[in-house]
Amino acid sequence: MNEDKMVENSLEKFYKNLEEPASFAGLNALSRAVGNRIKTKDIKKWLETKESYTLHKSVRRNFKRNRVIVGGIDEQFQADLLDMQFLSKFNSGYKYLLTCIDVFSKFS
């Protein structure tokens, strides 16, 4: 049995066994579970072939934000309109939802 098959079998054992703490977990949890037997880059490469990992992997998007200076609570709000037309039959015909948040306290 070649080394790639041994790595794959070992990772499958940890990843798909629900009794393992690292079952269906991310890179860090899986690498802690297998210890130093398998390199982290090999685990990452293997995880990227699994649909259950790549489908639910969060995408991080960092973008520059404008600085907001507010003197106190209830002085400035941010509002957004949510399009909920696909749920209108469950929400008494309501199609849009207006959300407002206080910029100072982040209280909605």
PDB file of N, CA and C in Angstrom:
ATOM      1  N   MET A   1       0.849  -1.172   0.000  1.00  0.00           N
ATOM      2  CA  MET A   1       0.000   0.000   0.000  1.00  0.00           C
ATOM      3  C   MET A   1       0.895   1.236   0.000  1.00  0.00           C
ATOM      4  N   ASN A   2       0.661   2.148  -0.947  1.00  0.00           N
ATOM      5  CA  ASN A   2       1.532   3.320  -1.009  1.00  0.00           C
ATOM      6  C   ASN A   2       1.159   4.345   0.061  1.00  0.00           C
ATOM      7  N   GLU A   3       2.008   5.333   0.208  1.00  0.00           N
ATOM      8  CA  GLU A   3       1.856   6.316   1.288  1.00  0.00           C
ATOM      9  C   GLU A   3       0.586   7.152   1.135  1.00  0.00           C
ATOM     10  N   ASP A   4       0.227   7.503  -0.106  1.00  0.00           N
ATOM     11  CA  ASP A   4      -0.978   8.310  -0.329  1.00  0.00           C
ATOM     12  C   ASP A   4      -2.234   7.588   0.141  1.00  0.00           C
ATOM     13  N   LYS A   5      -2.308   6.300  -0.131  1.00  0.00           N
ATOM     14  CA  LYS A   5      -3.470   5.514   0.305  1.00  0.00           C
ATOM     15  C   LYS A   5      -3.521   5.413   1.822  1.00  0.00           C
ATOM     16  N   MET A   6      -2.364   5.288   2.465  1.00  0.00           N
ATOM     17  CA  MET A   6      -2.326   5.212   3.926  1.00  0.00           C
ATOM     18  C   MET A   6      -2.802   6.528   4.536  1.00  0.00           C
ATOM     19  N   VAL A   7      -2.357   7.644   3.959  1.00  0.00           N
ATOM     20  CA  VAL A   7      -2.781   8.960   4.438  1.00  0.00           C
ATOM     21  C   VAL A   7      -4.286   9.108   4.261  1.00  0.00           C
ATOM     22  N   GLU A   8      -4.780   8.746   3.086  1.00  0.00           N
ATOM     23  CA  GLU A   8      -6.210   8.876   2.806  1.00  0.00           C
ATOM     24  C   GLU A   8      -7.048   8.010   3.737  1.00  0.00           C
ATOM     25  N   ASN A   9      -6.629   6.786   3.963  1.00  0.00           N
ATOM     26  CA  ASN A   9      -7.375   5.893   4.859  1.00  0.00           C
ATOM     27  C   ASN A   9      -7.369   6.412   6.291  1.00  0.00           C
ATOM     28  N   SER A  10      -6.248   6.926   6.730  1.00  0.00           N
ATOM     29  CA  SER A  10      -6.150   7.458   8.083  1.00  0.00           C
ATOM     30  C   SER A  10      -7.048   8.683   8.257  1.00  0.00           C
ATOM     31  N   LEU A  11      -7.031   9.568   7.275  1.00  0.00           N
ATOM     32  CA  LEU A  11      -7.870  10.762   7.355  1.00  0.00           C
ATOM     33  C   LEU A  11      -9.354  10.415   7.263  1.00  0.00           C
ATOM     34  N   GLU A  12      -9.687   9.462   6.412  1.00  0.00           N
ATOM     35  CA  GLU A  12     -11.087   9.013   6.301  1.00  0.00           C
ATOM     36  C   GLU A  12     -11.580   8.491   7.640  1.00  0.00           C
ATOM     37  N   LYS A  13     -10.717   7.757   8.342  1.00  0.00           N
ATOM     38  CA  LYS A  13     -11.098   7.180   9.633  1.00  0.00           C
ATOM     39  C   LYS A  13     -11.461   8.279  10.628  1.00  0.00           C
ATOM     40  N   PHE A  14     -10.676   9.342  10.673  1.00  0.00           N
ATOM     41  CA  PHE A  14     -10.940  10.431  11.609  1.00  0.00           C
ATOM     42  C   PHE A  14     -12.089  11.320  11.141  1.00  0.00           C
ATOM     43  N   TYR A  15     -12.161  11.565   9.838  1.00  0.00           N
ATOM     44  CA  TYR A  15     -13.101  12.552   9.305  1.00  0.00           C
ATOM     45  C   TYR A  15     -14.540  12.039   9.278  1.00  0.00           C
ATOM     46  N   LYS A  16     -14.733  10.783   8.956  1.00  0.00           N
ATOM     47  CA  LYS A  16     -16.090  10.259   8.777  1.00  0.00           C
ATOM     48  C   LYS A  16     -16.632   9.490   9.971  1.00  0.00           C
ATOM     49  N   ASN A  17     -15.834   9.305  11.007  1.00  0.00           N
ATOM     50  CA  ASN A  17     -16.297   8.616  12.208  1.00  0.00           C
ATOM     51  C   ASN A  17     -16.908   9.652  13.152  1.00  0.00           C
ATOM     52  N   LEU A  18     -18.216   9.574  13.371  1.00  0.00           N
ATOM     53  CA  LEU A  18     -18.906  10.572  14.188  1.00  0.00           C
ATOM     54  C   LEU A  18     -18.504  10.530  15.651  1.00  0.00           C
ATOM     55  N   GLU A  19     -17.857   9.474  16.079  1.00  0.00           N
ATOM     56  CA  GLU A  19     -17.424   9.382  17.470  1.00  0.00           C
ATOM     57  C   GLU A  19     -16.098  10.101  17.706  1.00  0.00           C
ATOM     58  N   GLU A  20     -15.424  10.470  16.651  1.00  0.00           N
ATOM     59  CA  GLU A  20     -14.172  11.222  16.757  1.00  0.00           C
ATOM     60  C   GLU A  20     -14.490  12.709  16.920  1.00  0.00           C
ATOM     61  N   PRO A  21     -13.725  13.424  17.746  1.00  0.00           N
ATOM     62  CA  PRO A  21     -13.978  14.861  17.901  1.00  0.00           C
ATOM     63  C   PRO A  21     -13.723  15.656  16.623  1.00  0.00           C
ATOM     64  N   ALA A  22     -12.926  15.120  15.724  1.00  0.00           N
ATOM     65  CA  ALA A  22     -12.591  15.843  14.497  1.00  0.00           C
ATOM     66  C   ALA A  22     -13.472  15.441  13.322  1.00  0.00           C
ATOM     67  N   SER A  23     -14.575  14.763  13.574  1.00  0.00           N
ATOM     68  CA  SER A  23     -15.412  14.323  12.461  1.00  0.00           C
ATOM     69  C   SER A  23     -16.041  15.528  11.772  1.00  0.00           C
ATOM     70  N   PHE A  24     -15.896  15.585  10.466  1.00  0.00           N
ATOM     71  CA  PHE A  24     -16.409  16.663   9.619  1.00  0.00           C
ATOM     72  C   PHE A  24     -15.977  18.038  10.134  1.00  0.00           C
ATOM     73  N   ALA A  25     -14.773  18.118  10.652  1.00  0.00           N
ATOM     74  CA  ALA A  25     -14.250  19.375  11.196  1.00  0.00           C
ATOM     75  C   ALA A  25     -13.324  20.026  10.179  1.00  0.00           C
ATOM     76  N   GLY A  26     -12.729  21.114  10.583  1.00  0.00           N
ATOM     77  CA  GLY A  26     -11.833  21.856   9.714  1.00  0.00           C
ATOM     78  C   GLY A  26     -10.405  21.361   9.791  1.00  0.00           C
ATOM     79  N   LEU A  27      -9.538  22.127   9.185  1.00  0.00           N
ATOM     80  CA  LEU A  27      -8.130  21.761   9.067  1.00  0.00           C
ATOM     81  C   LEU A  27      -7.451  21.637  10.424  1.00  0.00           C
ATOM     82  N   ASN A  28      -7.640  22.609  11.304  1.00  0.00           N
ATOM     83  CA  ASN A  28      -6.944  22.589  12.595  1.00  0.00           C
ATOM     84  C   ASN A  28      -7.375  21.420  13.462  1.00  0.00           C
ATOM     85  N   ALA A  29      -8.673  21.165  13.539  1.00  0.00           N
ATOM     86  CA  ALA A  29      -9.167  20.069  14.378  1.00  0.00           C
ATOM     87  C   ALA A  29      -8.691  18.724  13.846  1.00  0.00           C
ATOM     88  N   LEU A  30      -8.690  18.575  12.545  1.00  0.00           N
ATOM     89  CA  LEU A  30      -8.254  17.310  11.956  1.00  0.00           C
ATOM     90  C   LEU A  30      -6.758  17.105  12.137  1.00  0.00           C
ATOM     91  N   SER A  31      -5.970  18.158  12.005  1.00  0.00           N
ATOM     92  CA  SER A  31      -4.521  18.002  12.187  1.00  0.00           C
ATOM     93  C   SER A  31      -4.177  17.712  13.646  1.00  0.00           C
ATOM     94  N   ARG A  32      -4.944  18.261  14.597  1.00  0.00           N
ATOM     95  CA  ARG A  32      -4.734  17.917  16.009  1.00  0.00           C
ATOM     96  C   ARG A  32      -5.082  16.459  16.269  1.00  0.00           C
ATOM     97  N   ALA A  33      -6.117  15.972  15.615  1.00  0.00           N
ATOM     98  CA  ALA A  33      -6.563  14.598  15.846  1.00  0.00           C
ATOM     99  C   ALA A  33      -5.552  13.575  15.328  1.00  0.00           C
ATOM    100  N   VAL A  34      -4.951  13.834  14.172  1.00  0.00           N
ATOM    101  CA  VAL A  34      -4.005  12.862  13.614  1.00  0.00           C
ATOM    102  C   VAL A  34      -2.599  13.050  14.159  1.00  0.00           C
ATOM    103  N   GLY A  35      -2.349  14.166  14.826  1.00  0.00           N
ATOM    104  CA  GLY A  35      -1.018  14.398  15.393  1.00  0.00           C
ATOM    105  C   GLY A  35      -0.014  14.752  14.319  1.00  0.00           C
ATOM    106  N   ASN A  36       1.268  14.406  14.541  1.00  0.00           N
ATOM    107  CA  ASN A  36       2.294  14.744  13.546  1.00  0.00           C
ATOM    108  C   ASN A  36       2.520  13.618  12.553  1.00  0.00           C
ATOM    109  N   ARG A  37       1.623  12.684  12.478  1.00  0.00           N
ATOM    110  CA  ARG A  37       1.801  11.586  11.523  1.00  0.00           C
ATOM    111  C   ARG A  37       1.608  12.042  10.084  1.00  0.00           C
ATOM    112  N   ILE A  38       0.767  13.060   9.886  1.00  0.00           N
ATOM    113  CA  ILE A  38       0.472  13.542   8.536  1.00  0.00           C
ATOM    114  C   ILE A  38       0.715  15.048   8.501  1.00  0.00           C
ATOM    115  N   LYS A  39       1.364  15.520   7.448  1.00  0.00           N
ATOM    116  CA  LYS A  39       1.671  16.945   7.314  1.00  0.00           C
ATOM    117  C   LYS A  39       0.388  17.747   7.093  1.00  0.00           C
ATOM    118  N   THR A  40       0.399  18.979   7.601  1.00  0.00           N
ATOM    119  CA  THR A  40      -0.775  19.842   7.481  1.00  0.00           C
ATOM    120  C   THR A  40      -1.112  20.128   6.025  1.00  0.00           C
ATOM    121  N   LYS A  41      -0.098  20.300   5.189  1.00  0.00           N
ATOM    122  CA  LYS A  41      -0.379  20.584   3.775  1.00  0.00           C
ATOM    123  C   LYS A  41      -1.044  19.393   3.096  1.00  0.00           C
ATOM    124  N   ASP A  42      -0.713  18.167   3.522  1.00  0.00           N
ATOM    125  CA  ASP A  42      -1.372  16.982   2.972  1.00  0.00           C
ATOM    126  C   ASP A  42      -2.825  16.900   3.432  1.00  0.00           C
ATOM    127  N   ILE A  43      -3.066  17.284   4.687  1.00  0.00           N
ATOM    128  CA  ILE A  43      -4.438  17.280   5.203  1.00  0.00           C
ATOM    129  C   ILE A  43      -5.271  18.311   4.451  1.00  0.00           C
ATOM    130  N   LYS A  44      -4.695  19.492   4.229  1.00  0.00           N
ATOM    131  CA  LYS A  44      -5.413  20.547   3.515  1.00  0.00           C
ATOM    132  C   LYS A  44      -5.736  20.113   2.092  1.00  0.00           C
ATOM    133  N   LYS A  45      -4.767  19.497   1.431  1.00  0.00           N
ATOM    134  CA  LYS A  45      -4.977  19.023   0.066  1.00  0.00           C
ATOM    135  C   LYS A  45      -6.088  17.972   0.022  1.00  0.00           C
ATOM    136  N   TRP A  46      -6.104  17.080   1.018  1.00  0.00           N
ATOM    137  CA  TRP A  46      -7.124  16.040   1.085  1.00  0.00           C
ATOM    138  C   TRP A  46      -8.508  16.644   1.375  1.00  0.00           C
ATOM    139  N   LEU A  47      -8.555  17.623   2.298  1.00  0.00           N
ATOM    140  CA  LEU A  47      -9.834  18.250   2.642  1.00  0.00           C
ATOM    141  C   LEU A  47     -10.453  18.975   1.450  1.00  0.00           C
ATOM    142  N   GLU A  48      -9.623  19.574   0.621  1.00  0.00           N
ATOM    143  CA  GLU A  48     -10.145  20.312  -0.524  1.00  0.00           C
ATOM    144  C   GLU A  48     -10.772  19.404  -1.575  1.00  0.00           C
ATOM    145  N   THR A  49     -10.534  18.109  -1.474  1.00  0.00           N
ATOM    146  CA  THR A  49     -11.198  17.173  -2.381  1.00  0.00           C
ATOM    147  C   THR A  49     -12.559  16.740  -1.852  1.00  0.00           C
ATOM    148  N   LYS A  50     -12.856  17.067  -0.600  1.00  0.00           N
ATOM    149  CA  LYS A  50     -14.114  16.655   0.026  1.00  0.00           C
ATOM    150  C   LYS A  50     -15.170  17.736  -0.153  1.00  0.00           C
ATOM    151  N   GLU A  51     -16.305  17.359  -0.713  1.00  0.00           N
ATOM    152  CA  GLU A  51     -17.381  18.313  -0.959  1.00  0.00           C
ATOM    153  C   GLU A  51     -17.953  18.871   0.342  1.00  0.00           C
ATOM    154  N   SER A  52     -18.024  18.044   1.377  1.00  0.00           N
ATOM    155  CA  SER A  52     -18.591  18.511   2.646  1.00  0.00           C
ATOM    156  C   SER A  52     -17.733  19.596   3.283  1.00  0.00           C
ATOM    157  N   TYR A  53     -16.449  19.644   2.967  1.00  0.00           N
ATOM    158  CA  TYR A  53     -15.561  20.681   3.504  1.00  0.00           C
ATOM    159  C   TYR A  53     -15.622  21.937   2.648  1.00  0.00           C
ATOM    160  N   THR A  54     -15.498  21.791   1.339  1.00  0.00           N
ATOM    161  CA  THR A  54     -15.442  22.958   0.463  1.00  0.00           C
ATOM    162  C   THR A  54     -16.792  23.639   0.328  1.00  0.00           C
ATOM    163  N   LEU A  55     -17.887  22.899   0.464  1.00  0.00           N
ATOM    164  CA  LEU A  55     -19.212  23.481   0.325  1.00  0.00           C
ATOM    165  C   LEU A  55     -19.528  24.436   1.464  1.00  0.00           C
ATOM    166  N   HIS A  56     -19.085  24.112   2.677  1.00  0.00           N
ATOM    167  CA  HIS A  56     -19.423  24.905   3.847  1.00  0.00           C
ATOM    168  C   HIS A  56     -18.267  25.765   4.356  1.00  0.00           C
ATOM    169  N   LYS A  57     -17.177  25.809   3.622  1.00  0.00           N
ATOM    170  CA  LYS A  57     -16.038  26.623   4.041  1.00  0.00           C
ATOM    171  C   LYS A  57     -16.397  28.098   3.881  1.00  0.00           C
ATOM    172  N   SER A  58     -16.229  28.872   4.942  1.00  0.00           N
ATOM    173  CA  SER A  58     -16.593  30.284   4.884  1.00  0.00           C
ATOM    174  C   SER A  58     -15.578  31.059   4.051  1.00  0.00           C
ATOM    175  N   VAL A  59     -16.086  32.008   3.297  1.00  0.00           N
ATOM    176  CA  VAL A  59     -15.242  32.852   2.466  1.00  0.00           C
ATOM    177  C   VAL A  59     -15.030  34.158   3.211  1.00  0.00           C
ATOM    178  N   ARG A  60     -13.788  34.537   3.380  1.00  0.00           N
ATOM    179  CA  ARG A  60     -13.481  35.779   4.084  1.00  0.00           C
ATOM    180  C   ARG A  60     -13.203  36.871   3.063  1.00  0.00           C
ATOM    181  N   ARG A  61     -13.963  37.926   3.178  1.00  0.00           N
ATOM    182  CA  ARG A  61     -13.755  39.066   2.296  1.00  0.00           C
ATOM    183  C   ARG A  61     -13.474  40.284   3.161  1.00  0.00           C
ATOM    184  N   ASN A  62     -12.273  40.774   3.095  1.00  0.00           N
ATOM    185  CA  ASN A  62     -11.902  41.969   3.846  1.00  0.00           C
ATOM    186  C   ASN A  62     -11.900  43.152   2.893  1.00  0.00           C
ATOM    187  N   PHE A  63     -12.569  44.202   3.275  1.00  0.00           N
ATOM    188  CA  PHE A  63     -12.568  45.394   2.455  1.00  0.00           C
ATOM    189  C   PHE A  63     -12.449  46.621   3.352  1.00  0.00           C
ATOM    190  N   LYS A  64     -11.951  47.684   2.776  1.00  0.00           N
ATOM    191  CA  LYS A  64     -11.728  48.906   3.540  1.00  0.00           C
ATOM    192  C   LYS A  64     -13.070  49.563   3.849  1.00  0.00           C
ATOM    193  N   ARG A  65     -13.237  49.985   5.093  1.00  0.00           N
ATOM    194  CA  ARG A  65     -14.468  50.638   5.524  1.00  0.00           C
ATOM    195  C   ARG A  65     -14.173  52.096   5.872  1.00  0.00           C
ATOM    196  N   ASN A  66     -15.163  52.927   5.644  1.00  0.00           N
ATOM    197  CA  ASN A  66     -15.026  54.331   6.017  1.00  0.00           C
ATOM    198  C   ASN A  66     -15.168  54.475   7.526  1.00  0.00           C
ATOM    199  N   ARG A  67     -14.410  55.384   8.092  1.00  0.00           N
ATOM    200  CA  ARG A  67     -14.479  55.634   9.526  1.00  0.00           C
ATOM    201  C   ARG A  67     -15.725  56.460   9.838  1.00  0.00           C
ATOM    202  N   VAL A  68     -16.434  56.079  10.891  1.00  0.00           N
ATOM    203  CA  VAL A  68     -17.651  56.781  11.294  1.00  0.00           C
ATOM    204  C   VAL A  68     -17.447  57.317  12.699  1.00  0.00           C
ATOM    205  N   ILE A  69     -17.641  58.612  12.870  1.00  0.00           N
ATOM    206  CA  ILE A  69     -17.508  59.233  14.191  1.00  0.00           C
ATOM    207  C   ILE A  69     -18.905  59.644  14.651  1.00  0.00           C
ATOM    208  N   VAL A  70     -19.328  59.081  15.776  1.00  0.00           N
ATOM    209  CA  VAL A  70     -20.666  59.331  16.304  1.00  0.00           C
ATOM    210  C   VAL A  70     -20.524  59.840  17.725  1.00  0.00           C
ATOM    211  N   GLY A  71     -21.329  60.847  18.077  1.00  0.00           N
ATOM    212  CA  GLY A  71     -21.247  61.448  19.400  1.00  0.00           C
ATOM    213  C   GLY A  71     -21.938  60.663  20.493  1.00  0.00           C
ATOM    214  N   GLY A  72     -22.952  59.906  20.170  1.00  0.00           N
ATOM    215  CA  GLY A  72     -23.670  59.169  21.208  1.00  0.00           C
ATOM    216  C   GLY A  72     -24.691  58.210  20.628  1.00  0.00           C
ATOM    217  N   ILE A  73     -25.392  57.554  21.542  1.00  0.00           N
ATOM    218  CA  ILE A  73     -26.403  56.570  21.154  1.00  0.00           C
ATOM    219  C   ILE A  73     -27.589  57.285  20.506  1.00  0.00           C
ATOM    220  N   ASP A  74     -28.215  56.627  19.562  1.00  0.00           N
ATOM    221  CA  ASP A  74     -29.392  57.116  18.829  1.00  0.00           C
ATOM    222  C   ASP A  74     -29.113  58.411  18.066  1.00  0.00           C
ATOM    223  N   GLU A  75     -27.888  58.590  17.626  1.00  0.00           N
ATOM    224  CA  GLU A  75     -27.552  59.775  16.847  1.00  0.00           C
ATOM    225  C   GLU A  75     -27.468  59.456  15.353  1.00  0.00           C
ATOM    226  N   GLN A  76     -26.969  58.261  15.023  1.00  0.00           N
ATOM    227  CA  GLN A  76     -26.849  57.889  13.620  1.00  0.00           C
ATOM    228  C   GLN A  76     -27.191  56.416  13.460  1.00  0.00           C
ATOM    229  N   PHE A  77     -27.952  56.126  12.408  1.00  0.00           N
ATOM    230  CA  PHE A  77     -28.388  54.761  12.143  1.00  0.00           C
ATOM    231  C   PHE A  77     -27.969  54.344  10.743  1.00  0.00           C
ATOM    232  N   GLN A  78     -27.827  53.048  10.565  1.00  0.00           N
ATOM    233  CA  GLN A  78     -27.643  52.483   9.238  1.00  0.00           C
ATOM    234  C   GLN A  78     -28.854  51.616   8.959  1.00  0.00           C
ATOM    235  N   ALA A  79     -29.366  51.707   7.744  1.00  0.00           N
ATOM    236  CA  ALA A  79     -30.561  50.947   7.387  1.00  0.00           C
ATOM    237  C   ALA A  79     -30.289  50.138   6.129  1.00  0.00           C
ATOM    238  N   ASP A  80     -30.991  49.030   6.018  1.00  0.00           N
ATOM    239  CA  ASP A  80     -30.871  48.173   4.844  1.00  0.00           C
ATOM    240  C   ASP A  80     -32.224  47.534   4.590  1.00  0.00           C
ATOM    241  N   LEU A  81     -32.514  47.292   3.336  1.00  0.00           N
ATOM    242  CA  LEU A  81     -33.776  46.681   2.948  1.00  0.00           C
ATOM    243  C   LEU A  81     -33.510  45.260   2.478  1.00  0.00           C
ATOM    244  N   LEU A  82     -34.171  44.301   3.106  1.00  0.00           N
ATOM    245  CA  LEU A  82     -34.004  42.897   2.730  1.00  0.00           C
ATOM    246  C   LEU A  82     -35.144  42.476   1.821  1.00  0.00           C
ATOM    247  N   ASP A  83     -34.807  41.821   0.730  1.00  0.00           N
ATOM    248  CA  ASP A  83     -35.802  41.314  -0.208  1.00  0.00           C
ATOM    249  C   ASP A  83     -36.227  39.922   0.243  1.00  0.00           C
ATOM    250  N   MET A  84     -37.456  39.793   0.713  1.00  0.00           N
ATOM    251  CA  MET A  84     -37.965  38.523   1.242  1.00  0.00           C
ATOM    252  C   MET A  84     -39.148  38.024   0.413  1.00  0.00           C
ATOM    253  N   GLN A  85     -39.189  38.353  -0.878  1.00  0.00           N
ATOM    254  CA  GLN A  85     -40.331  37.989  -1.716  1.00  0.00           C
ATOM    255  C   GLN A  85     -40.548  36.484  -1.778  1.00  0.00           C
ATOM    256  N   PHE A  86     -39.470  35.725  -1.752  1.00  0.00           N
ATOM    257  CA  PHE A  86     -39.605  34.272  -1.849  1.00  0.00           C
ATOM    258  C   PHE A  86     -40.250  33.669  -0.607  1.00  0.00           C
ATOM    259  N   LEU A  87     -40.320  34.422   0.496  1.00  0.00           N
ATOM    260  CA  LEU A  87     -40.959  33.940   1.725  1.00  0.00           C
ATOM    261  C   LEU A  87     -42.281  34.641   2.011  1.00  0.00           C
ATOM    262  N   SER A  88     -42.787  35.431   1.066  1.00  0.00           N
ATOM    263  CA  SER A  88     -43.980  36.230   1.337  1.00  0.00           C
ATOM    264  C   SER A  88     -45.202  35.371   1.646  1.00  0.00           C
ATOM    265  N   LYS A  89     -45.302  34.188   1.074  1.00  0.00           N
ATOM    266  CA  LYS A  89     -46.474  33.341   1.354  1.00  0.00           C
ATOM    267  C   LYS A  89     -46.475  32.830   2.794  1.00  0.00           C
ATOM    268  N   PHE A  90     -45.317  32.849   3.459  1.00  0.00           N
ATOM    269  CA  PHE A  90     -45.232  32.423   4.858  1.00  0.00           C
ATOM    270  C   PHE A  90     -45.264  33.608   5.827  1.00  0.00           C
ATOM    271  N   ASN A  91     -45.142  34.837   5.318  1.00  0.00           N
ATOM    272  CA  ASN A  91     -45.050  36.039   6.159  1.00  0.00           C
ATOM    273  C   ASN A  91     -46.226  36.984   5.947  1.00  0.00           C
ATOM    274  N   SER A  92     -47.415  36.462   5.841  1.00  0.00           N
ATOM    275  CA  SER A  92     -48.639  37.274   5.685  1.00  0.00           C
ATOM    276  C   SER A  92     -48.531  38.241   4.510  1.00  0.00           C
ATOM    277  N   GLY A  93     -47.828  37.872   3.467  1.00  0.00           N
ATOM    278  CA  GLY A  93     -47.710  38.697   2.275  1.00  0.00           C
ATOM    279  C   GLY A  93     -46.627  39.758   2.325  1.00  0.00           C
ATOM    280  N   TYR A  94     -45.892  39.872   3.431  1.00  0.00           N
ATOM    281  CA  TYR A  94     -44.809  40.857   3.512  1.00  0.00           C
ATOM    282  C   TYR A  94     -43.655  40.422   2.615  1.00  0.00           C
ATOM    283  N   LYS A  95     -43.178  41.375   1.798  1.00  0.00           N
ATOM    284  CA  LYS A  95     -42.137  41.046   0.828  1.00  0.00           C
ATOM    285  C   LYS A  95     -40.786  41.677   1.149  1.00  0.00           C
ATOM    286  N   TYR A  96     -40.778  42.703   1.976  1.00  0.00           N
ATOM    287  CA  TYR A  96     -39.534  43.403   2.284  1.00  0.00           C
ATOM    288  C   TYR A  96     -39.414  43.587   3.788  1.00  0.00           C
ATOM    289  N   LEU A  97     -38.176  43.652   4.252  1.00  0.00           N
ATOM    290  CA  LEU A  97     -37.913  43.837   5.673  1.00  0.00           C
ATOM    291  C   LEU A  97     -36.881  44.952   5.814  1.00  0.00           C
ATOM    292  N   LEU A  98     -37.230  45.987   6.556  1.00  0.00           N
ATOM    293  CA  LEU A  98     -36.324  47.105   6.787  1.00  0.00           C
ATOM    294  C   LEU A  98     -35.588  46.871   8.096  1.00  0.00           C
ATOM    295  N   THR A  99     -34.256  46.851   8.043  1.00  0.00           N
ATOM    296  CA  THR A  99     -33.460  46.676   9.258  1.00  0.00           C
ATOM    297  C   THR A  99     -32.710  47.969   9.534  1.00  0.00           C
ATOM    298  N   CYS A 100     -32.678  48.355  10.793  1.00  0.00           N
ATOM    299  CA  CYS A 100     -31.951  49.551  11.222  1.00  0.00           C
ATOM    300  C   CYS A 100     -31.048  49.176  12.387  1.00  0.00           C
ATOM    301  N   ILE A 101     -29.859  49.763  12.399  1.00  0.00           N
ATOM    302  CA  ILE A 101     -28.923  49.494  13.485  1.00  0.00           C
ATOM    303  C   ILE A 101     -28.296  50.811  13.929  1.00  0.00           C
ATOM    304  N   ASP A 102     -28.182  50.975  15.236  1.00  0.00           N
ATOM    305  CA  ASP A 102     -27.536  52.154  15.806  1.00  0.00           C
ATOM    306  C   ASP A 102     -26.027  52.006  15.619  1.00  0.00           C
ATOM    307  N   VAL A 103     -25.403  52.977  14.976  1.00  0.00           N
ATOM    308  CA  VAL A 103     -23.980  52.894  14.655  1.00  0.00           C
ATOM    309  C   VAL A 103     -23.120  52.910  15.912  1.00  0.00           C
ATOM    310  N   PHE A 104     -23.521  53.656  16.925  1.00  0.00           N
ATOM    311  CA  PHE A 104     -22.709  53.795  18.136  1.00  0.00           C
ATOM    312  C   PHE A 104     -22.711  52.516  18.968  1.00  0.00           C
ATOM    313  N   SER A 105     -23.886  51.971  19.221  1.00  0.00           N
ATOM    314  CA  SER A 105     -23.977  50.823  20.131  1.00  0.00           C
ATOM    315  C   SER A 105     -24.059  49.491  19.406  1.00  0.00           C
ATOM    316  N   LYS A 106     -24.255  49.509  18.104  1.00  0.00           N
ATOM    317  CA  LYS A 106     -24.449  48.296  17.299  1.00  0.00           C
ATOM    318  C   LYS A 106     -25.690  47.529  17.749  1.00  0.00           C
ATOM    319  N   PHE A 107     -26.654  48.234  18.338  1.00  0.00           N
ATOM    320  CA  PHE A 107     -27.890  47.628  18.817  1.00  0.00           C
ATOM    321  C   PHE A 107     -28.936  47.785  17.729  1.00  0.00           C
ATOM    322  N   SER A 108     -29.578  46.688  17.363  1.00  0.00           N
ATOM    323  CA  SER A 108     -30.573  46.774  16.290  1.00  0.00           C
ATOM    324  C   SER A 108     -31.970  46.828  16.849  1.00  0.00           C
TER     325      SER A 108
END
